[in-house]
Amino acid sequence: MRTDFDFPKKELVGPVVFRPDFNNFEAITVNQAWSLFFTAGQEDKALGANPELGNFFTYLFVGVGIAGTLWAIIFNSLA
């Protein structure tokens, strides 16, 4: 049995953010940020290159925060 797996770099196994060629202090996109969050730092391209999905998660997160704050203010003032 012959295997063609050759992993010359030890960085291939660890999280993507600790790889030397990750981003070289460049700004990351919204999709990269959410991909890193959902995959616990293992992959930065899990959501693809389309920014609409990353924006959806950002607006959903902000909307849930605002709704929770308003819920707490409204129902806390009634008690």
Protein backbone atom coordinates (compact mmCIF):
# COMPACT_ATOMS: atom_id res chain seq x y z
CA MET A 1 0.00 0.00 0.00
CA ARG A 2 1.38 3.34 -1.02
CA THR A 3 0.38 6.62 0.53
CA ASP A 4 1.03 9.98 -1.04
CA PHE A 5 0.59 11.96 2.13
CA ASP A 6 3.61 14.12 2.72
CA PHE A 7 3.20 16.78 5.39
CA PRO A 8 6.49 18.66 5.36
CA LYS A 9 5.20 21.50 7.51
CA LYS A 10 4.11 20.99 11.08
CA GLU A 11 1.82 24.03 10.77
CA LEU A 12 -0.68 22.07 8.67
CA VAL A 13 -2.13 20.36 11.72
CA GLY A 14 -2.60 23.39 14.00
CA PRO A 15 -5.06 26.27 13.87
CA VAL A 16 -4.89 28.51 10.82
CA VAL A 17 -4.29 31.67 12.86
CA PHE A 18 -0.93 30.35 14.09
CA ARG A 19 0.37 29.54 10.62
CA PRO A 20 3.13 31.88 9.46
CA ASP A 21 1.43 32.65 6.14
CA PHE A 22 -2.04 33.41 7.59
CA ASN A 23 -2.48 37.12 6.87
CA ASN A 24 0.75 38.99 7.65
CA PHE A 25 -1.14 41.65 9.67
CA GLU A 26 -3.62 42.36 6.90
CA ALA A 27 -7.28 43.02 7.62
CA ILE A 28 -9.49 39.93 7.44
CA THR A 29 -12.93 39.88 5.87
CA VAL A 30 -16.22 39.33 7.66
CA ASN A 31 -16.45 35.83 6.21
CA GLN A 32 -12.98 34.94 7.43
CA ALA A 33 -13.82 36.17 10.93
CA TRP A 34 -17.05 34.16 11.13
CA SER A 35 -15.36 31.11 9.60
CA LEU A 36 -12.66 31.26 12.24
CA PHE A 37 -15.33 31.61 14.93
CA PHE A 38 -17.48 28.70 13.73
CA THR A 39 -14.54 26.35 13.13
CA ALA A 40 -12.68 27.35 16.33
CA GLY A 41 -9.75 28.77 14.37
CA GLN A 42 -9.22 25.72 12.16
CA GLU A 43 -10.33 27.16 8.79
CA ASP A 44 -10.70 30.69 7.49
CA LYS A 45 -12.42 29.89 4.19
CA ALA A 46 -15.33 27.75 5.42
CA LEU A 47 -17.98 30.30 4.41
CA GLY A 48 -16.48 31.03 1.01
CA ALA A 49 -15.75 34.38 -0.57
CA ASN A 50 -19.29 35.76 -0.78
CA PRO A 51 -19.58 38.51 1.89
CA GLU A 52 -23.38 38.31 2.20
CA LEU A 53 -23.32 35.30 4.52
CA GLY A 54 -20.83 36.99 6.85
CA ASN A 55 -22.92 40.16 6.88
CA PHE A 56 -26.01 38.08 7.68
CA PHE A 57 -24.36 36.61 10.79
CA THR A 58 -23.13 40.04 11.85
CA TYR A 59 -26.56 41.66 11.50
CA LEU A 60 -28.21 38.67 13.19
CA PHE A 61 -25.83 39.00 16.15
CA VAL A 62 -26.47 42.75 16.42
CA GLY A 63 -30.24 42.25 16.08
CA VAL A 64 -30.34 39.63 18.83
CA GLY A 65 -28.35 41.95 21.10
CA ILE A 66 -30.66 44.90 20.47
CA ALA A 67 -33.79 42.77 20.87
CA GLY A 68 -32.48 41.33 24.14
CA THR A 69 -31.66 44.77 25.47
CA LEU A 70 -35.09 46.15 24.55
CA TRP A 71 -36.75 43.06 26.05
CA ALA A 72 -34.89 43.59 29.32
CA ILE A 73 -35.72 47.31 29.44
CA ILE A 74 -39.41 46.85 28.67
CA PHE A 75 -40.08 43.92 30.98
CA ASN A 76 -37.84 45.20 33.75
CA SER A 77 -39.78 48.46 33.93
CA LEU A 78 -43.10 46.56 34.24
CA ALA A 79 -42.02 44.65 37.34
